[in-house]
Protein backbone atom coordinates (compact mmCIF):
# COMPACT_ATOMS: atom_id res chain seq x y z
CA UNK A 1 -31.43 9.82 18.70
CA UNK A 2 -29.74 9.62 22.02
CA UNK A 3 -26.24 11.09 22.54
CA UNK A 4 -25.06 7.89 23.90
CA UNK A 5 -22.89 5.47 21.98
CA UNK A 6 -25.33 3.11 20.04
CA UNK A 7 -24.00 -0.28 20.24
CA UNK A 8 -25.69 -3.37 18.26
CA UNK A 9 -25.19 -6.85 19.60
CA UNK A 10 -26.08 -9.52 17.12
CA UNK A 11 -25.76 -13.20 17.24
CA UNK A 12 -27.76 -16.23 16.16
CA UNK A 13 -27.66 -17.50 19.87
CA UNK A 14 -29.89 -15.84 22.32
CA UNK A 15 -27.56 -17.10 25.09
CA UNK A 16 -24.58 -15.33 23.48
CA UNK A 17 -26.75 -12.11 23.21
CA UNK A 18 -27.61 -12.02 26.89
CA UNK A 19 -23.92 -12.78 27.81
CA UNK A 20 -22.61 -9.80 25.84
CA UNK A 21 -25.25 -7.68 27.24
CA UNK A 22 -24.42 -8.69 30.69
CA UNK A 23 -20.62 -7.64 30.06
CA UNK A 24 -21.77 -4.21 29.07
CA UNK A 25 -24.47 -3.58 31.29
CA UNK A 26 -22.71 -1.38 33.67
CA UNK A 27 -21.45 0.81 30.71
CA UNK A 28 -23.78 4.04 31.23
CA UNK A 29 -22.55 5.67 28.13
CA UNK A 30 -23.64 3.02 25.84
CA UNK A 31 -27.29 2.47 24.71
CA UNK A 32 -27.43 -1.40 23.91
CA UNK A 33 -29.57 -2.87 21.20
CA UNK A 34 -29.87 -6.71 20.57
CA UNK A 35 -30.51 -8.42 17.16
CA UNK A 36 -31.37 -12.14 17.19
CA UNK A 37 -30.40 -13.31 13.66
CA UNK A 38 -32.55 -16.11 12.49
CA UNK A 39 -33.13 -18.04 9.33
CA UNK A 40 -32.98 -15.48 6.52
CA UNK A 41 -30.59 -12.50 5.92
CA UNK A 42 -27.17 -12.96 7.81
CA UNK A 43 -26.51 -9.13 7.77
CA UNK A 44 -27.40 -7.68 11.38
CA UNK A 45 -28.06 -4.25 9.54
CA UNK A 46 -30.62 -5.53 7.02
CA UNK A 47 -33.88 -3.92 7.57
CA UNK A 48 -32.79 -2.03 10.87
CA UNK A 49 -34.76 1.16 11.61
CA UNK A 50 -31.79 3.06 13.16
CA UNK A 51 -27.94 3.44 12.36
CA UNK A 52 -25.71 2.05 15.06
CA UNK A 53 -22.31 3.43 15.92
CA UNK A 54 -20.68 -0.02 16.49
CA UNK A 55 -21.71 -3.54 15.89
CA UNK A 56 -20.68 -6.34 18.30
CA UNK A 57 -21.22 -9.67 16.35
CA UNK A 58 -20.98 -12.90 18.40
CA UNK A 59 -20.59 -16.05 16.06
CA UNK A 60 -21.99 -19.46 16.20
CA UNK A 61 -21.37 -22.63 14.24
CA UNK A 62 -22.57 -20.91 11.38
CA UNK A 63 -20.09 -18.16 11.74
CA UNK A 64 -18.30 -19.00 8.42
CA UNK A 65 -21.43 -18.58 6.33
CA UNK A 66 -22.49 -15.29 8.12
CA UNK A 67 -19.18 -13.71 7.55
CA UNK A 68 -19.11 -14.93 3.86
CA UNK A 69 -22.39 -12.83 3.43
CA UNK A 70 -20.91 -9.89 5.31
CA UNK A 71 -18.03 -9.93 2.92
CA UNK A 72 -20.44 -9.44 -0.02
CA UNK A 73 -22.13 -6.63 1.88
CA UNK A 74 -19.01 -4.86 3.14
CA UNK A 75 -18.65 -1.10 2.03
CA UNK A 76 -17.20 2.00 3.42
CA UNK A 77 -20.21 3.33 5.08
CA UNK A 78 -20.96 0.45 7.48
CA UNK A 79 -20.20 1.12 11.23
CA UNK A 80 -17.19 -0.49 12.91
CA UNK A 81 -17.54 -4.35 13.36
CA UNK A 82 -16.29 -6.28 16.30
CA UNK A 83 -16.32 -10.22 16.04
CA UNK A 84 -16.42 -12.60 18.94
CA UNK A 85 -15.55 -16.05 18.11
CA UNK A 86 -13.85 -19.22 19.37
CA UNK A 87 -9.84 -18.64 19.34
CA UNK A 88 -7.51 -20.39 17.00
CA UNK A 89 -9.87 -20.38 13.88
CA UNK A 90 -7.57 -18.80 11.19
CA UNK A 91 -10.29 -19.30 8.44
CA UNK A 92 -12.88 -17.09 10.70
CA UNK A 93 -10.47 -14.60 11.34
CA UNK A 94 -9.43 -14.03 7.69
CA UNK A 95 -13.40 -13.78 6.94
CA UNK A 96 -13.73 -11.44 9.66
CA UNK A 97 -11.09 -9.06 8.37
CA UNK A 98 -12.38 -9.31 4.83
CA UNK A 99 -15.83 -8.19 6.33
CA UNK A 100 -14.22 -5.22 7.69
CA UNK A 101 -13.93 -6.16 11.24
CA UNK A 102 -12.05 -3.72 13.55
CA UNK A 103 -11.12 -6.21 16.02
CA UNK A 104 -11.55 -10.12 16.39
CA UNK A 105 -11.88 -11.41 20.03
CA UNK A 106 -12.29 -14.79 21.78
CA UNK A 107 -15.74 -15.65 22.86
CA UNK A 108 -14.75 -16.22 26.27
CA UNK A 109 -13.26 -12.87 27.16
CA UNK A 110 -13.57 -10.48 30.03
CA UNK A 111 -15.95 -7.40 30.05
CA UNK A 112 -12.83 -5.01 30.18
CA UNK A 113 -11.34 -6.44 27.09
CA UNK A 114 -14.61 -6.08 25.30
CA UNK A 115 -15.24 -2.37 26.55
CA UNK A 116 -11.67 -1.56 25.56
CA UNK A 117 -12.28 -2.79 21.98
CA UNK A 118 -15.35 -0.72 21.86
CA UNK A 119 -13.73 2.35 23.09
CA UNK A 120 -11.02 1.93 20.41
CA UNK A 121 -13.52 1.59 17.66
CA UNK A 122 -15.34 4.75 19.11
CA UNK A 123 -12.33 6.83 19.30
CA UNK A 124 -11.64 5.97 15.48
CA UNK A 125 -15.27 7.19 14.64
CA UNK A 126 -14.31 10.55 16.58
CA UNK A 127 -11.10 10.86 14.52
CA UNK A 128 -12.67 10.72 11.05
CA UNK A 129 -15.96 12.40 11.82
CA UNK A 130 -14.42 15.73 10.88
CA UNK A 131 -13.18 14.51 7.41
CA UNK A 132 -15.23 14.61 4.22
CA UNK A 133 -16.78 11.21 3.88
CA UNK A 134 -17.94 10.09 0.47
CA UNK A 135 -21.64 10.56 -0.23
CA UNK A 136 -23.95 8.29 -2.12
CA UNK A 137 -27.25 10.10 -3.12
CA UNK A 138 -30.08 8.29 -4.76
CA UNK A 139 -32.69 10.47 -6.71
CA UNK A 140 -36.09 8.66 -7.58
CA UNK A 141 -39.39 9.74 -8.66
CA UNK A 142 -42.42 9.40 -6.54
CA UNK A 143 -44.47 9.02 -9.57
CA UNK A 144 -43.28 8.81 -13.25
CA UNK A 145 -42.36 11.91 -15.00
CA UNK A 146 -41.73 14.04 -11.69
CA UNK A 147 -38.27 15.09 -13.06
CA UNK A 148 -35.79 12.78 -11.15
CA UNK A 149 -33.36 12.63 -14.15
CA UNK A 150 -33.50 16.28 -14.47
CA UNK A 151 -32.75 16.79 -10.85
CA UNK A 152 -30.12 14.23 -10.43
CA UNK A 153 -28.24 15.44 -13.55
CA UNK A 154 -28.16 18.97 -12.45
CA UNK A 155 -27.39 18.09 -8.89
CA UNK A 156 -24.31 16.18 -9.84
CA UNK A 157 -23.12 18.91 -12.22
CA UNK A 158 -23.51 21.52 -9.50
CA UNK A 159 -21.68 19.27 -6.83
CA UNK A 160 -18.91 18.84 -9.38
CA UNK A 161 -18.73 22.50 -10.69
CA UNK A 162 -19.79 24.53 -7.78
CA UNK A 163 -18.93 22.51 -4.77
CA UNK A 164 -15.97 21.31 -6.48
CA UNK A 165 -16.41 17.51 -5.54
CA UNK A 166 -15.20 14.82 -7.65
CA UNK A 167 -18.47 13.44 -8.79
CA UNK A 168 -20.10 10.46 -10.76
CA UNK A 169 -23.52 10.30 -12.18
CA UNK A 170 -24.94 6.76 -12.57
CA UNK A 171 -28.17 5.94 -14.24
CA UNK A 172 -29.89 2.66 -13.44
CA UNK A 173 -32.76 3.04 -15.94
CA UNK A 174 -31.82 -0.17 -18.03
CA UNK A 175 -34.39 0.81 -20.83
CA UNK A 176 -34.77 4.55 -21.22
CA UNK A 177 -31.46 6.07 -20.36
CA UNK A 178 -31.43 9.68 -21.14
CA UNK A 179 -28.16 10.99 -19.54
CA UNK A 180 -26.41 11.47 -22.96
CA UNK A 181 -29.28 13.93 -23.93
CA UNK A 182 -29.04 15.98 -20.65
CA UNK A 183 -25.25 16.49 -21.37
CA UNK A 184 -25.00 16.38 -25.15
CA UNK A 185 -22.39 13.35 -25.08
CA UNK A 186 -22.33 10.02 -26.41
CA UNK A 187 -21.41 7.41 -23.85
CA UNK A 188 -18.27 5.50 -24.13
CA UNK A 189 -19.21 2.13 -22.25
CA UNK A 190 -22.43 0.63 -21.03
CA UNK A 191 -23.13 -0.20 -17.44
CA UNK A 192 -23.75 -3.85 -17.83
CA UNK A 193 -20.50 -4.05 -19.54
CA UNK A 194 -18.59 -2.55 -16.54
CA UNK A 195 -20.80 -4.83 -14.23
CA UNK A 196 -19.44 -7.87 -15.92
CA UNK A 197 -15.77 -6.97 -15.13
CA UNK A 198 -16.25 -5.06 -11.94
CA UNK A 199 -14.11 -7.24 -9.77
CA UNK A 200 -11.00 -6.68 -11.95
CA UNK A 201 -11.49 -2.94 -11.85
CA UNK A 202 -9.06 -0.53 -10.51
CA UNK A 203 -9.40 3.20 -10.22
CA UNK A 204 -7.47 3.81 -13.37
CA UNK A 205 -9.93 1.27 -15.38
CA UNK A 206 -12.86 2.55 -13.61
CA UNK A 207 -12.38 6.20 -14.76
CA UNK A 208 -11.67 4.93 -18.18
CA UNK A 209 -14.88 3.24 -18.45
CA UNK A 210 -16.74 6.47 -17.56
CA UNK A 211 -17.81 9.34 -19.97
CA UNK A 212 -16.24 12.55 -19.04
CA UNK A 213 -18.24 15.89 -19.31
CA UNK A 214 -16.48 19.02 -20.35
CA UNK A 215 -17.11 20.13 -16.46
CA UNK A 216 -15.16 17.10 -15.31
CA UNK A 217 -18.27 15.20 -14.23
CA UNK A 218 -18.00 11.53 -14.97
CA UNK A 219 -21.04 9.47 -16.32
CA UNK A 220 -22.12 5.91 -16.53
CA UNK A 221 -25.47 4.38 -17.64
CA UNK A 222 -26.91 1.48 -19.62
CA UNK A 223 -27.10 1.69 -23.22
CA UNK A 224 -30.70 1.11 -24.40
CA UNK A 225 -29.77 -1.32 -27.10
CA UNK A 226 -28.37 -3.51 -24.37
CA UNK A 227 -31.56 -4.12 -22.59
CA UNK A 228 -31.38 -5.86 -19.16
CA UNK A 229 -34.00 -8.36 -20.17
CA UNK A 230 -32.61 -11.85 -20.60
CA UNK A 231 -29.34 -10.81 -19.12
CA UNK A 232 -27.76 -12.28 -15.93
CA UNK A 233 -28.90 -10.37 -12.67
CA UNK A 234 -25.85 -8.31 -11.69
CA UNK A 235 -27.28 -6.64 -8.65
CA UNK A 236 -24.51 -7.94 -6.53
CA UNK A 237 -21.90 -6.80 -8.87
CA UNK A 238 -23.75 -3.28 -8.66
CA UNK A 239 -22.93 -3.23 -5.04
CA UNK A 240 -19.08 -4.08 -5.77
CA UNK A 241 -19.24 -1.02 -8.19
CA UNK A 242 -20.62 1.29 -5.84
CA UNK A 243 -18.27 0.30 -3.19
CA UNK A 244 -15.31 1.16 -5.45
CA UNK A 245 -16.98 4.36 -6.74
CA UNK A 246 -17.49 5.75 -3.35
CA UNK A 247 -13.73 5.19 -2.53
CA UNK A 248 -12.79 7.07 -5.80
CA UNK A 249 -15.27 9.93 -5.66
CA UNK A 250 -16.33 12.39 -3.06
CA UNK A 251 -19.94 12.14 -4.39
CA UNK A 252 -21.87 9.59 -6.41
CA UNK A 253 -25.28 10.30 -7.69
CA UNK A 254 -27.59 7.69 -8.74
CA UNK A 255 -30.62 8.29 -10.89
CA UNK A 256 -32.85 5.47 -9.46
CA UNK A 257 -35.94 4.23 -11.45
CA UNK A 258 -39.11 4.22 -9.48
CA UNK A 259 -40.00 0.54 -9.83
CA UNK A 260 -38.70 -1.99 -7.41
CA UNK A 261 -36.00 -4.42 -9.22
CA UNK A 262 -33.03 -6.35 -7.78
CA UNK A 263 -30.83 -3.16 -8.55
CA UNK A 264 -32.63 -0.95 -6.13
CA UNK A 265 -31.48 -2.93 -3.11
CA UNK A 266 -27.69 -2.36 -3.35
CA UNK A 267 -28.24 1.19 -3.90
CA UNK A 268 -30.69 1.77 -0.63
CA UNK A 269 -28.31 -0.38 1.49
CA UNK A 270 -25.47 2.21 0.80
CA UNK A 271 -27.07 5.59 0.39
CA UNK A 272 -26.41 8.45 2.70
CA UNK A 273 -29.36 10.52 1.41
CA UNK A 274 -32.38 9.83 -0.85
CA UNK A 275 -34.18 12.53 -2.65
CA UNK A 276 -37.84 11.68 -3.69
CA UNK A 277 -38.99 13.88 -6.41
CA UNK A 278 -42.71 14.65 -6.50
CA UNK A 279 -45.27 17.25 -7.83
CA UNK A 280 -47.96 19.22 -6.01
CA UNK A 281 -50.78 16.85 -6.65
CA UNK A 282 -52.68 14.36 -4.39
CA UNK A 283 -51.73 11.40 -6.36
CA UNK A 284 -48.05 12.34 -6.24
CA UNK A 285 -48.13 12.74 -2.41
CA UNK A 286 -49.93 9.50 -2.05
CA UNK A 287 -47.18 7.68 -4.16
CA UNK A 288 -44.49 9.51 -2.13
CA UNK A 289 -45.94 7.94 1.13
CA UNK A 290 -45.72 4.60 -0.47
CA UNK A 291 -42.19 4.99 -1.56
CA UNK A 292 -41.40 6.04 2.04
CA UNK A 293 -42.58 2.66 3.12
CA UNK A 294 -40.21 1.03 0.43
CA UNK A 295 -37.43 3.09 1.82
CA UNK A 296 -38.30 1.93 5.52
CA UNK A 297 -38.28 -1.72 4.40
CA UNK A 298 -34.56 -1.19 3.34
CA UNK A 299 -33.61 0.18 6.62
CA UNK A 300 -33.55 3.89 5.79
CA UNK A 301 -34.47 6.54 8.28
CA UNK A 302 -36.76 9.49 7.70
CA UNK A 303 -33.85 11.83 8.34
CA UNK A 304 -32.16 10.42 5.34
CA UNK A 305 -34.88 11.24 3.05
CA UNK A 306 -35.48 14.68 1.31
CA UNK A 307 -38.60 15.33 -0.64
CA UNK A 308 -38.26 17.75 -3.71
CA UNK A 309 -41.55 19.24 -4.90
CA UNK A 310 -40.59 19.96 -8.55
CA UNK A 311 -42.44 22.48 -10.69
CA UNK A 312 -43.42 24.05 -7.66
CA UNK A 313 -46.46 26.79 -8.04
CA UNK A 314 -47.59 28.96 -5.24
CA UNK A 315 -51.08 28.96 -6.61
CA UNK A 316 -51.43 25.16 -6.54
CA UNK A 317 -54.45 23.75 -4.71
CA UNK A 318 -52.05 21.46 -3.07
CA UNK A 319 -49.83 23.91 -0.99
CA UNK A 320 -46.34 23.10 0.23
CA UNK A 321 -47.86 23.18 3.77
CA UNK A 322 -50.11 20.51 2.43
CA UNK A 323 -47.26 18.41 1.37
CA UNK A 324 -45.34 18.71 4.63
CA UNK A 325 -48.20 17.71 6.74
CA UNK A 326 -48.83 14.48 4.66
CA UNK A 327 -45.02 13.59 4.89
CA UNK A 328 -44.33 14.18 8.68
CA UNK A 329 -40.93 13.99 9.61
CA UNK A 330 -39.51 14.26 6.12
CA UNK A 331 -37.94 17.49 4.85
CA UNK A 332 -39.58 19.21 2.03
CA UNK A 333 -38.03 21.60 -0.44
CA UNK A 334 -39.15 23.05 -3.61
CA UNK A 335 -37.89 23.93 -7.10
CA UNK A 336 -40.04 26.60 -8.76
CA UNK A 337 -41.72 26.06 -12.15
CA UNK A 338 -39.87 27.58 -15.20
CA UNK A 339 -40.70 25.51 -18.27
CA UNK A 340 -38.98 27.73 -20.68
CA UNK A 341 -35.71 27.75 -18.91
CA UNK A 342 -35.76 24.04 -18.09
CA UNK A 343 -36.83 22.82 -21.62
CA UNK A 344 -33.92 24.89 -23.23
CA UNK A 345 -31.45 23.61 -20.82
CA UNK A 346 -32.50 19.81 -21.68
CA UNK A 347 -32.87 20.52 -25.51
CA UNK A 348 -29.52 22.17 -25.80
CA UNK A 349 -27.85 19.38 -23.48
CA UNK A 350 -26.35 22.05 -21.33
CA UNK A 351 -26.73 21.59 -17.47
CA UNK A 352 -28.96 24.65 -16.13
CA UNK A 353 -26.20 26.07 -13.90
CA UNK A 354 -24.10 26.68 -17.29
CA UNK A 355 -27.18 27.74 -19.12
CA UNK A 356 -29.05 30.23 -16.97
CA UNK A 357 -27.04 30.56 -13.61
CA UNK A 358 -29.48 33.33 -12.22
CA UNK A 359 -32.66 31.47 -12.92
CA UNK A 360 -34.81 30.61 -9.79
CA UNK A 361 -34.49 26.84 -10.62
CA UNK A 362 -30.91 27.14 -10.67
CA UNK A 363 -30.66 28.76 -7.27
CA UNK A 364 -33.13 26.12 -5.86
CA UNK A 365 -30.75 23.28 -7.31
CA UNK A 366 -27.60 24.88 -5.91
CA UNK A 367 -29.30 25.06 -2.37
CA UNK A 368 -30.43 21.65 -2.83
CA UNK A 369 -26.93 20.37 -3.53
CA UNK A 370 -25.63 22.30 -0.58
CA UNK A 371 -28.21 20.34 1.84
CA UNK A 372 -26.78 17.00 0.07
CA UNK A 373 -23.37 17.93 1.46
CA UNK A 374 -21.94 20.20 -1.34
CA UNK A 375 -19.91 23.24 -0.51
CA UNK A 376 -21.70 26.68 -1.04
CA UNK A 377 -20.72 28.55 -4.13
CA UNK A 378 -17.72 30.78 -3.76
CA UNK A 379 -18.81 34.50 -3.62
CA UNK A 380 -16.55 36.80 -5.67
CA UNK A 381 -15.07 39.77 -3.67
CA UNK A 382 -16.98 42.88 -4.35
CA UNK A 383 -15.23 46.18 -5.59
CA UNK A 384 -14.68 47.44 -2.09
CA UNK A 385 -13.32 44.48 -0.88
CA UNK A 386 -10.88 44.17 -3.69
CA UNK A 387 -9.88 47.84 -3.19
CA UNK A 388 -9.46 47.04 0.58
CA UNK A 389 -7.29 43.97 -0.20
CA UNK A 390 -5.12 46.16 -2.50
CA UNK A 391 -4.63 48.75 0.19
CA UNK A 392 -3.43 46.06 2.59
CA UNK A 393 -1.06 44.74 0.18
CA UNK A 394 0.55 48.14 -0.42
CA UNK A 395 1.01 48.64 3.18
């Protein structure tokens, strides 16, 4: 990706696109991209193959409709939005602010005013770049039974216990939820129940709805007895819930089912990283490449995807190098096979970091959590270090 500021110009009017591009044409530090919005999705980021730094949206007569749609999509991880519209329209201005616009400018403005607005937004990006941003991590099987729930449960536990992130783990498996088994807990509330009242949830209510594990990790999942079949589609409500969770928790881990449902879209539109879990077989690799196409369709970039080869065997006919060659551009890591330790952890309902901290599987999962934004484990001072510290204090 270029080091220039990536500016996306979006509008339903080709003339407006050309006008904004002309105003910014002399700005050598900007890399300009145009998006002509036609009938269909009003979100200029929908299906986009790159992540812009700033979005400049020039509204037409359908501006109210487009902004109303953006209000539904608005969440913390979107780039700054600058809205260009006719002056004197209070309703449009209110909608723009609700959609997260950083600035609202009259359509007939000079190039200097537009550049100044972009520079203010760019300065704000620089200010927050050093801060820890909330992360939304989706973990999904490339093929059924690859171990995504095991990876999701233990990565979330490690982010919470080792990296000391406030962390929530959400399972979207509406029929065969198994989080309770992995943590030996009984779930207090049902995910669908939370989605029904999501618009009234504040941070206190949100925390009360979630089940607290002894480590401090928060859990939320659908209860199998409340199957989603026949229920109202609440995928839009899921987007609202994820927006609220990323404001409340440093890390949100989603155990995402492999099959494509309406509930997949709000997750993939908000993720910072996707972990695709596979094994060392040709069929797993083939299905992994298909899942990459699904991710691409939802606008994810290859750099956002991390492939985990679970139950890795050095003697496997399909080597790690083979997997890497087949998935060019995607980072590949492995979790070694250790059936006995993993089975004990699951059967006891004890996360593997608490059950067998020194096992190769645990070490691989800690490294994976670090790659996903977790802080490395604190290393206790050795005897020599402690003795030196004591001497320093005596002096």
